[in-house]
Amino acid sequence: MAASSSARLEAAVLTRPPRLLHALLPGCEWTGPATTPADAPVVYLTFDDGPIPEETPWVLEQLAIFNAKATFFCVGENLVRYPEIARAALAAGHRFGNHTHQHRSAWATARPAYLADIAVCQTHIDKLVQSFPEKPLTAPHSPLPGSHSPIPTFRSPFPASRSSLPLFRPPYGRLTWPLLPTLRRDFRVVMWSVLTRDYDPGLSPESCLRFALEAIRAGDVVVFHDSRKASARLRFVLPRVLTHLAGQGFQFATL
């Protein structure tokens, strides 16, 4: 009984991060844009680490069934390897965010190298997004310190604002306080309110689904992973989450 209670407590803490973390990382986004009570409930599905051919096309198929839009936090190296998959995601109306070029940890990488890695990833994102000029997703901004060249972006007709900045999510959710001011100047730094833990091989697909459905509420930013490591749980959980939430009247939007 104690083991079961401990497992549920761990699941609750990991699945839905405590609000104390919000204070420790000021200015990061943990939930989606606010809506009014009259609006349909919205959930913001996000997918980290892709695109890869083994998982991302399947994810796009599942989303299309429900006309669900999502945000993909892409690893730059995967964008370089699989540009056609990336273009398919953009053509379907999904949005891209930056997840560094080499999936680097901010705790294990020198600040200049980390910022340069983000800049490389953003360059590849912007090159792909420019193939879809009718959907401007980023506003002009100055290059990150540590990068060797300006980051090309859309020349948006709209004034620069927080909502028009490109998106960034740190791998493993790891950030440092010295990095935050620089990152927040150039990006919306997006964390999450629900972590599905689909990456955890010690978690059964059924438990992964149960914890996710118990946690998700309107306005949540929900993390999945379109990665090989997450495959067994992702393929079980995602279609069931989509079916359940759609049945409850939820809509699925990009950040």
C-alpha atoms as a PDB file:
ATOM      1  CA  MET A   1       0.000   0.000   0.000  1.00  0.00           C
ATOM      2  CA  ALA A   2       2.845   2.363   0.881  1.00  0.00           C
ATOM      3  CA  ALA A   3       4.574   1.614  -2.414  1.00  0.00           C
ATOM      4  CA  SER A   4       1.376   2.349  -4.312  1.00  0.00           C
ATOM      5  CA  SER A   5       0.905   5.661  -2.482  1.00  0.00           C
ATOM      6  CA  SER A   6       4.527   6.593  -3.138  1.00  0.00           C
ATOM      7  CA  ALA A   7       4.128   5.835  -6.846  1.00  0.00           C
ATOM      8  CA  ARG A   8       1.020   8.011  -7.063  1.00  0.00           C
ATOM      9  CA  LEU A   9       2.751  10.876  -5.244  1.00  0.00           C
ATOM     10  CA  GLU A  10       5.722  10.636  -7.612  1.00  0.00           C
ATOM     11  CA  ALA A  11       3.379  10.585 -10.590  1.00  0.00           C
ATOM     12  CA  ALA A  12       1.506  13.629  -9.327  1.00  0.00           C
ATOM     13  CA  VAL A  13       4.699  15.657  -8.788  1.00  0.00           C
ATOM     14  CA  LEU A  14       6.317  14.684 -12.099  1.00  0.00           C
ATOM     15  CA  THR A  15       3.157  14.772 -14.197  1.00  0.00           C
ATOM     16  CA  ARG A  16       1.985  18.165 -12.945  1.00  0.00           C
ATOM     17  CA  PRO A  17       4.966  20.246 -11.750  1.00  0.00           C
ATOM     18  CA  PRO A  18       4.377  22.163  -8.496  1.00  0.00           C
ATOM     19  CA  ARG A  19       3.875  25.900  -8.751  1.00  0.00           C
ATOM     20  CA  LEU A  20       7.095  26.454  -6.801  1.00  0.00           C
ATOM     21  CA  LEU A  21       8.956  25.802 -10.053  1.00  0.00           C
ATOM     22  CA  HIS A  22       7.137  28.723 -11.659  1.00  0.00           C
ATOM     23  CA  ALA A  23       8.693  31.063  -9.111  1.00  0.00           C
ATOM     24  CA  LEU A  24      12.148  29.538  -9.575  1.00  0.00           C
ATOM     25  CA  LEU A  25      12.033  30.161 -13.338  1.00  0.00           C
ATOM     26  CA  PRO A  26      10.327  33.566 -13.677  1.00  0.00           C
ATOM     27  CA  GLY A  27       8.956  34.568 -17.032  1.00  0.00           C
ATOM     28  CA  CYS A  28       8.635  31.047 -18.409  1.00  0.00           C
ATOM     29  CA  GLU A  29       5.264  29.911 -19.749  1.00  0.00           C
ATOM     30  CA  TRP A  30       3.678  26.953 -17.979  1.00  0.00           C
ATOM     31  CA  THR A  31       0.152  27.125 -19.401  1.00  0.00           C
ATOM     32  CA  GLY A  32      -1.371  28.323 -22.655  1.00  0.00           C
ATOM     33  CA  PRO A  33      -3.037  31.672 -23.402  1.00  0.00           C
ATOM     34  CA  ALA A  34      -5.978  32.510 -21.193  1.00  0.00           C
ATOM     35  CA  THR A  35      -9.515  31.950 -22.468  1.00  0.00           C
ATOM     36  CA  THR A  36     -12.906  33.121 -21.246  1.00  0.00           C
ATOM     37  CA  PRO A  37     -15.560  30.864 -19.690  1.00  0.00           C
ATOM     38  CA  ALA A  38     -17.588  31.243 -22.886  1.00  0.00           C
ATOM     39  CA  ASP A  39     -14.819  29.722 -24.995  1.00  0.00           C
ATOM     40  CA  ALA A  40     -14.499  26.022 -25.728  1.00  0.00           C
ATOM     41  CA  PRO A  41     -11.833  24.435 -23.504  1.00  0.00           C
ATOM     42  CA  VAL A  42      -8.420  24.344 -25.182  1.00  0.00           C
ATOM     43  CA  VAL A  43      -5.394  22.118 -24.656  1.00  0.00           C
ATOM     44  CA  TYR A  44      -1.959  22.828 -26.131  1.00  0.00           C
ATOM     45  CA  LEU A  45      -0.324  19.569 -27.197  1.00  0.00           C
ATOM     46  CA  THR A  46       3.437  19.718 -27.661  1.00  0.00           C
ATOM     47  CA  PHE A  47       5.920  17.155 -28.976  1.00  0.00           C
ATOM     48  CA  ASP A  48       9.625  17.218 -28.141  1.00  0.00           C
ATOM     49  CA  ASP A  49      12.752  15.810 -29.820  1.00  0.00           C
ATOM     50  CA  GLY A  50      11.607  15.140 -33.409  1.00  0.00           C
ATOM     51  CA  PRO A  51      11.095  15.058 -36.238  1.00  0.00           C
ATOM     52  CA  ILE A  52      12.008  11.444 -36.966  1.00  0.00           C
ATOM     53  CA  PRO A  53      10.548   9.051 -39.581  1.00  0.00           C
ATOM     54  CA  GLU A  54       9.674   6.359 -37.055  1.00  0.00           C
ATOM     55  CA  GLU A  55       7.261   8.505 -35.034  1.00  0.00           C
ATOM     56  CA  THR A  56       6.492  11.975 -36.378  1.00  0.00           C
ATOM     57  CA  PRO A  57       4.465  10.960 -39.479  1.00  0.00           C
ATOM     58  CA  TRP A  58       2.322   8.720 -37.266  1.00  0.00           C
ATOM     59  CA  VAL A  59       1.783  11.617 -34.856  1.00  0.00           C
ATOM     60  CA  LEU A  60       0.706  13.837 -37.759  1.00  0.00           C
ATOM     61  CA  GLU A  61      -1.805  11.182 -38.839  1.00  0.00           C
ATOM     62  CA  GLN A  62      -3.316  10.984 -35.353  1.00  0.00           C
ATOM     63  CA  LEU A  63      -3.598  14.757 -35.070  1.00  0.00           C
ATOM     64  CA  ALA A  64      -5.227  15.014 -38.493  1.00  0.00           C
ATOM     65  CA  ILE A  65      -8.017  12.640 -37.464  1.00  0.00           C
ATOM     66  CA  PHE A  66      -9.155  15.226 -34.907  1.00  0.00           C
ATOM     67  CA  ASN A  67      -8.108  18.326 -36.857  1.00  0.00           C
ATOM     68  CA  ALA A  68      -5.828  18.954 -33.889  1.00  0.00           C
ATOM     69  CA  LYS A  69      -3.013  21.477 -34.139  1.00  0.00           C
ATOM     70  CA  ALA A  70       0.129  21.047 -32.053  1.00  0.00           C
ATOM     71  CA  THR A  71       3.511  22.607 -31.382  1.00  0.00           C
ATOM     72  CA  PHE A  72       6.650  20.605 -32.153  1.00  0.00           C
ATOM     73  CA  PHE A  73       9.803  21.510 -30.222  1.00  0.00           C
ATOM     74  CA  CYS A  74      12.352  20.287 -32.729  1.00  0.00           C
ATOM     75  CA  VAL A  75      15.960  19.222 -32.405  1.00  0.00           C
ATOM     76  CA  GLY A  76      17.914  21.015 -35.122  1.00  0.00           C
ATOM     77  CA  GLU A  77      19.876  17.937 -36.159  1.00  0.00           C
ATOM     78  CA  ASN A  78      16.615  16.133 -36.878  1.00  0.00           C
ATOM     79  CA  LEU A  79      15.346  19.040 -38.978  1.00  0.00           C
ATOM     80  CA  VAL A  80      18.505  18.752 -41.078  1.00  0.00           C
ATOM     81  CA  ARG A  81      18.147  14.980 -41.442  1.00  0.00           C
ATOM     82  CA  TYR A  82      14.401  14.916 -42.186  1.00  0.00           C
ATOM     83  CA  PRO A  83      13.307  18.198 -43.791  1.00  0.00           C
ATOM     84  CA  GLU A  84      10.417  16.592 -45.681  1.00  0.00           C
ATOM     85  CA  ILE A  85       8.820  15.432 -42.447  1.00  0.00           C
ATOM     86  CA  ALA A  86       9.266  18.920 -41.040  1.00  0.00           C
ATOM     87  CA  ARG A  87       7.635  20.454 -44.103  1.00  0.00           C
ATOM     88  CA  ALA A  88       4.705  18.044 -43.786  1.00  0.00           C
ATOM     89  CA  ALA A  89       4.144  19.219 -40.217  1.00  0.00           C
ATOM     90  CA  LEU A  90       4.231  22.875 -41.224  1.00  0.00           C
ATOM     91  CA  ALA A  91       1.931  22.245 -44.193  1.00  0.00           C
ATOM     92  CA  ALA A  92      -0.589  20.686 -41.802  1.00  0.00           C
ATOM     93  CA  GLY A  93      -0.696  23.905 -39.785  1.00  0.00           C
ATOM     94  CA  HIS A  94       1.446  22.906 -36.829  1.00  0.00           C
ATOM     95  CA  ARG A  95       3.963  25.215 -35.206  1.00  0.00           C
ATOM     96  CA  PHE A  96       7.658  24.708 -34.515  1.00  0.00           C
ATOM     97  CA  GLY A  97       9.646  25.588 -31.424  1.00  0.00           C
ATOM     98  CA  ASN A  98      13.366  25.415 -30.709  1.00  0.00           C
ATOM     99  CA  HIS A  99      14.733  22.495 -28.638  1.00  0.00           C
ATOM    100  CA  THR A 100      18.434  23.244 -29.339  1.00  0.00           C
ATOM    101  CA  HIS A 101      20.390  21.811 -32.245  1.00  0.00           C
ATOM    102  CA  GLN A 102      21.947  18.888 -30.383  1.00  0.00           C
ATOM    103  CA  HIS A 103      19.497  18.388 -27.486  1.00  0.00           C
ATOM    104  CA  ARG A 104      21.896  20.004 -25.046  1.00  0.00           C
ATOM    105  CA  SER A 105      21.481  20.334 -21.302  1.00  0.00           C
ATOM    106  CA  ALA A 106      21.918  23.867 -19.963  1.00  0.00           C
ATOM    107  CA  TRP A 107      23.380  22.355 -16.810  1.00  0.00           C
ATOM    108  CA  ALA A 108      26.188  20.607 -18.686  1.00  0.00           C
ATOM    109  CA  THR A 109      27.005  23.122 -21.443  1.00  0.00           C
ATOM    110  CA  ALA A 110      28.913  26.402 -21.244  1.00  0.00           C
ATOM    111  CA  ARG A 111      26.650  29.402 -21.746  1.00  0.00           C
ATOM    112  CA  PRO A 112      28.168  30.589 -25.071  1.00  0.00           C
ATOM    113  CA  ALA A 113      28.029  27.083 -26.542  1.00  0.00           C
ATOM    114  CA  TYR A 114      24.450  26.594 -25.371  1.00  0.00           C
ATOM    115  CA  LEU A 115      23.277  29.871 -26.894  1.00  0.00           C
ATOM    116  CA  ALA A 116      25.117  29.117 -30.122  1.00  0.00           C
ATOM    117  CA  ASP A 117      23.420  25.716 -30.292  1.00  0.00           C
ATOM    118  CA  ILE A 118      20.023  27.403 -29.929  1.00  0.00           C
ATOM    119  CA  ALA A 119      20.931  29.869 -32.681  1.00  0.00           C
ATOM    120  CA  VAL A 120      21.868  27.062 -35.088  1.00  0.00           C
ATOM    121  CA  CYS A 121      18.559  25.308 -34.442  1.00  0.00           C
ATOM    122  CA  GLN A 122      16.620  28.552 -34.969  1.00  0.00           C
ATOM    123  CA  THR A 123      18.352  29.096 -38.295  1.00  0.00           C
ATOM    124  CA  HIS A 124      17.093  25.736 -39.541  1.00  0.00           C
ATOM    125  CA  ILE A 125      13.588  26.369 -38.203  1.00  0.00           C
ATOM    126  CA  ASP A 126      13.392  29.736 -39.920  1.00  0.00           C
ATOM    127  CA  LYS A 127      14.614  28.354 -43.244  1.00  0.00           C
ATOM    128  CA  LEU A 128      11.837  25.772 -43.162  1.00  0.00           C
ATOM    129  CA  VAL A 129       9.159  28.188 -41.986  1.00  0.00           C
ATOM    130  CA  GLN A 130      10.032  30.590 -44.788  1.00  0.00           C
ATOM    131  CA  SER A 131       8.638  27.969 -47.170  1.00  0.00           C
ATOM    132  CA  PHE A 132       5.218  28.943 -45.794  1.00  0.00           C
ATOM    133  CA  PRO A 133       5.205  32.762 -45.968  1.00  0.00           C
ATOM    134  CA  GLU A 134       1.440  32.936 -45.551  1.00  0.00           C
ATOM    135  CA  LYS A 135       1.890  31.796 -41.925  1.00  0.00           C
ATOM    136  CA  PRO A 136       4.388  34.150 -40.256  1.00  0.00           C
ATOM    137  CA  LEU A 137       5.365  32.595 -36.930  1.00  0.00           C
ATOM    138  CA  THR A 138       8.253  34.712 -35.755  1.00  0.00           C
ATOM    139  CA  ALA A 139       9.163  38.361 -35.559  1.00  0.00           C
ATOM    140  CA  PRO A 140      12.561  39.892 -36.310  1.00  0.00           C
ATOM    141  CA  HIS A 141      14.928  39.806 -33.364  1.00  0.00           C
ATOM    142  CA  SER A 142      18.613  40.291 -32.736  1.00  0.00           C
ATOM    143  CA  PRO A 143      21.054  37.379 -32.823  1.00  0.00           C
ATOM    144  CA  LEU A 144      21.742  35.488 -29.644  1.00  0.00           C
ATOM    145  CA  PRO A 145      25.093  36.105 -27.963  1.00  0.00           C
ATOM    146  CA  GLY A 146      27.460  33.344 -28.923  1.00  0.00           C
ATOM    147  CA  SER A 147      26.015  32.893 -32.386  1.00  0.00           C
ATOM    148  CA  HIS A 148      28.133  33.649 -35.447  1.00  0.00           C
ATOM    149  CA  SER A 149      25.471  35.206 -37.635  1.00  0.00           C
ATOM    150  CA  PRO A 150      22.040  36.845 -37.338  1.00  0.00           C
ATOM    151  CA  ILE A 151      19.117  34.466 -37.169  1.00  0.00           C
ATOM    152  CA  PRO A 152      16.986  34.852 -40.344  1.00  0.00           C
ATOM    153  CA  THR A 153      13.298  35.332 -39.549  1.00  0.00           C
ATOM    154  CA  PHE A 154      10.110  36.521 -41.202  1.00  0.00           C
ATOM    155  CA  ARG A 155       9.724  40.197 -41.789  1.00  0.00           C
ATOM    156  CA  SER A 156       6.386  40.139 -40.057  1.00  0.00           C
ATOM    157  CA  PRO A 157       3.912  42.926 -40.898  1.00  0.00           C
ATOM    158  CA  PHE A 158       2.802  42.865 -37.254  1.00  0.00           C
ATOM    159  CA  PRO A 159       4.574  44.732 -34.453  1.00  0.00           C
ATOM    160  CA  ALA A 160       6.973  42.680 -32.355  1.00  0.00           C
ATOM    161  CA  SER A 161       5.404  41.397 -29.141  1.00  0.00           C
ATOM    162  CA  ARG A 162       5.756  38.481 -26.797  1.00  0.00           C
ATOM    163  CA  SER A 163       3.179  36.481 -28.744  1.00  0.00           C
ATOM    164  CA  SER A 164       5.104  36.830 -31.997  1.00  0.00           C
ATOM    165  CA  LEU A 165       8.475  35.745 -30.647  1.00  0.00           C
ATOM    166  CA  PRO A 166       9.777  32.296 -31.555  1.00  0.00           C
ATOM    167  CA  LEU A 167       9.347  29.492 -29.038  1.00  0.00           C
ATOM    168  CA  PHE A 168      12.029  27.738 -27.023  1.00  0.00           C
ATOM    169  CA  ARG A 169      11.880  24.776 -24.671  1.00  0.00           C
ATOM    170  CA  PRO A 170      15.044  23.642 -22.864  1.00  0.00           C
ATOM    171  CA  PRO A 171      15.885  19.934 -23.161  1.00  0.00           C
ATOM    172  CA  TYR A 172      15.133  18.070 -19.905  1.00  0.00           C
ATOM    173  CA  GLY A 173      13.478  21.267 -18.672  1.00  0.00           C
ATOM    174  CA  ARG A 174      16.895  22.416 -17.454  1.00  0.00           C
ATOM    175  CA  LEU A 175      17.737  26.107 -17.321  1.00  0.00           C
ATOM    176  CA  THR A 176      19.998  28.417 -15.336  1.00  0.00           C
ATOM    177  CA  TRP A 177      19.135  31.845 -13.998  1.00  0.00           C
ATOM    178  CA  PRO A 178      21.931  33.602 -15.964  1.00  0.00           C
ATOM    179  CA  LEU A 179      20.455  32.224 -19.198  1.00  0.00           C
ATOM    180  CA  LEU A 180      16.906  33.384 -18.580  1.00  0.00           C
ATOM    181  CA  PRO A 181      17.219  37.135 -19.331  1.00  0.00           C
ATOM    182  CA  THR A 182      18.899  36.468 -22.685  1.00  0.00           C
ATOM    183  CA  LEU A 183      16.475  33.742 -23.656  1.00  0.00           C
ATOM    184  CA  ARG A 184      13.398  35.752 -22.645  1.00  0.00           C
ATOM    185  CA  ARG A 185      14.544  38.691 -24.786  1.00  0.00           C
ATOM    186  CA  ASP A 186      14.579  36.558 -27.929  1.00  0.00           C
ATOM    187  CA  PHE A 187      12.102  33.770 -27.199  1.00  0.00           C
ATOM    188  CA  ARG A 188       8.969  32.750 -25.410  1.00  0.00           C
ATOM    189  CA  VAL A 189      10.406  30.129 -23.042  1.00  0.00           C
ATOM    190  CA  VAL A 190       7.758  27.406 -22.845  1.00  0.00           C
ATOM    191  CA  MET A 191       7.745  24.779 -20.119  1.00  0.00           C
ATOM    192  CA  TRP A 192       4.618  22.684 -19.399  1.00  0.00           C
ATOM    193  CA  SER A 193       1.782  22.052 -16.990  1.00  0.00           C
ATOM    194  CA  VAL A 194       1.401  18.327 -17.792  1.00  0.00           C
ATOM    195  CA  LEU A 195       4.279  15.943 -18.526  1.00  0.00           C
ATOM    196  CA  THR A 196       2.971  12.641 -19.881  1.00  0.00           C
ATOM    197  CA  ARG A 197       6.242  10.837 -19.013  1.00  0.00           C
ATOM    198  CA  ASP A 198       5.930   8.849 -22.222  1.00  0.00           C
ATOM    199  CA  TYR A 199       9.755   8.700 -22.271  1.00  0.00           C
ATOM    200  CA  ASP A 200       9.846   6.572 -19.074  1.00  0.00           C
ATOM    201  CA  PRO A 201      10.389   2.853 -19.839  1.00  0.00           C
ATOM    202  CA  GLY A 202       9.473   2.026 -16.240  1.00  0.00           C
ATOM    203  CA  LEU A 203       5.951   3.366 -16.732  1.00  0.00           C
ATOM    204  CA  SER A 204       3.378   1.126 -18.371  1.00  0.00           C
ATOM    205  CA  PRO A 205       1.346   2.588 -21.244  1.00  0.00           C
ATOM    206  CA  GLU A 206      -1.811   2.143 -19.185  1.00  0.00           C
ATOM    207  CA  SER A 207      -0.376   4.034 -16.215  1.00  0.00           C
ATOM    208  CA  CYS A 208       0.954   6.743 -18.507  1.00  0.00           C
ATOM    209  CA  LEU A 209      -2.532   7.227 -19.927  1.00  0.00           C
ATOM    210  CA  ARG A 210      -4.227   7.215 -16.526  1.00  0.00           C
ATOM    211  CA  PHE A 211      -1.873   9.790 -15.019  1.00  0.00           C
ATOM    212  CA  ALA A 212      -2.196  12.046 -18.068  1.00  0.00           C
ATOM    213  CA  LEU A 213      -5.993  11.985 -18.169  1.00  0.00           C
ATOM    214  CA  GLU A 214      -6.212  12.631 -14.417  1.00  0.00           C
ATOM    215  CA  ALA A 215      -3.930  15.649 -14.761  1.00  0.00           C
ATOM    216  CA  ILE A 216      -5.053  17.450 -17.943  1.00  0.00           C
ATOM    217  CA  ARG A 217      -7.218  20.531 -17.528  1.00  0.00           C
ATOM    218  CA  ALA A 218      -8.293  23.334 -19.848  1.00  0.00           C
ATOM    219  CA  GLY A 219      -5.397  25.625 -20.796  1.00  0.00           C
ATOM    220  CA  ASP A 220      -2.704  23.045 -20.107  1.00  0.00           C
ATOM    221  CA  VAL A 221       0.489  22.692 -22.098  1.00  0.00           C
ATOM    222  CA  VAL A 222       0.937  18.923 -22.451  1.00  0.00           C
ATOM    223  CA  VAL A 223       4.274  17.297 -23.330  1.00  0.00           C
ATOM    224  CA  PHE A 224       4.651  14.209 -25.509  1.00  0.00           C
ATOM    225  CA  HIS A 225       7.809  13.029 -27.277  1.00  0.00           C
ATOM    226  CA  ASP A 226       7.945  11.976 -30.929  1.00  0.00           C
ATOM    227  CA  SER A 227      11.005   9.860 -30.197  1.00  0.00           C
ATOM    228  CA  ARG A 228      11.946   6.189 -30.368  1.00  0.00           C
ATOM    229  CA  LYS A 229      12.299   5.960 -26.606  1.00  0.00           C
ATOM    230  CA  ALA A 230       8.713   7.133 -26.091  1.00  0.00           C
ATOM    231  CA  SER A 231       7.167   5.039 -28.854  1.00  0.00           C
ATOM    232  CA  ALA A 232       5.453   2.292 -26.841  1.00  0.00           C
ATOM    233  CA  ARG A 233       3.698   4.745 -24.545  1.00  0.00           C
ATOM    234  CA  LEU A 234       3.165   7.476 -27.150  1.00  0.00           C
ATOM    235  CA  ARG A 235       1.339   5.139 -29.533  1.00  0.00           C
ATOM    236  CA  PHE A 236      -0.906   3.873 -26.758  1.00  0.00           C
ATOM    237  CA  VAL A 237      -1.592   7.188 -25.053  1.00  0.00           C
ATOM    238  CA  LEU A 238      -1.900   9.820 -27.797  1.00  0.00           C
ATOM    239  CA  PRO A 239      -4.929   8.450 -29.697  1.00  0.00           C
ATOM    240  CA  ARG A 240      -6.740   7.779 -26.433  1.00  0.00           C
ATOM    241  CA  VAL A 241      -6.017  11.261 -25.077  1.00  0.00           C
ATOM    242  CA  LEU A 242      -7.233  12.810 -28.324  1.00  0.00           C
ATOM    243  CA  THR A 243     -10.401  10.698 -28.305  1.00  0.00           C
ATOM    244  CA  HIS A 244     -11.163  11.433 -24.660  1.00  0.00           C
ATOM    245  CA  LEU A 245     -10.560  15.172 -24.813  1.00  0.00           C
ATOM    246  CA  ALA A 246     -12.377  15.604 -28.118  1.00  0.00           C
ATOM    247  CA  GLY A 247     -15.326  13.784 -26.584  1.00  0.00           C
ATOM    248  CA  GLN A 248     -15.265  16.314 -23.739  1.00  0.00           C
ATOM    249  CA  GLY A 249     -15.464  19.197 -26.213  1.00  0.00           C
ATOM    250  CA  PHE A 250     -11.811  20.240 -26.055  1.00  0.00           C
ATOM    251  CA  GLN A 251     -10.055  21.954 -28.924  1.00  0.00           C
ATOM    252  CA  PHE A 252      -6.357  21.551 -29.700  1.00  0.00           C
ATOM    253  CA  ALA A 253      -4.355  24.665 -30.585  1.00  0.00           C
ATOM    254  CA  THR A 254      -0.784  25.782 -31.210  1.00  0.00           C
ATOM    255  CA  LEU A 255       1.028  28.050 -28.777  1.00  0.00           C
END
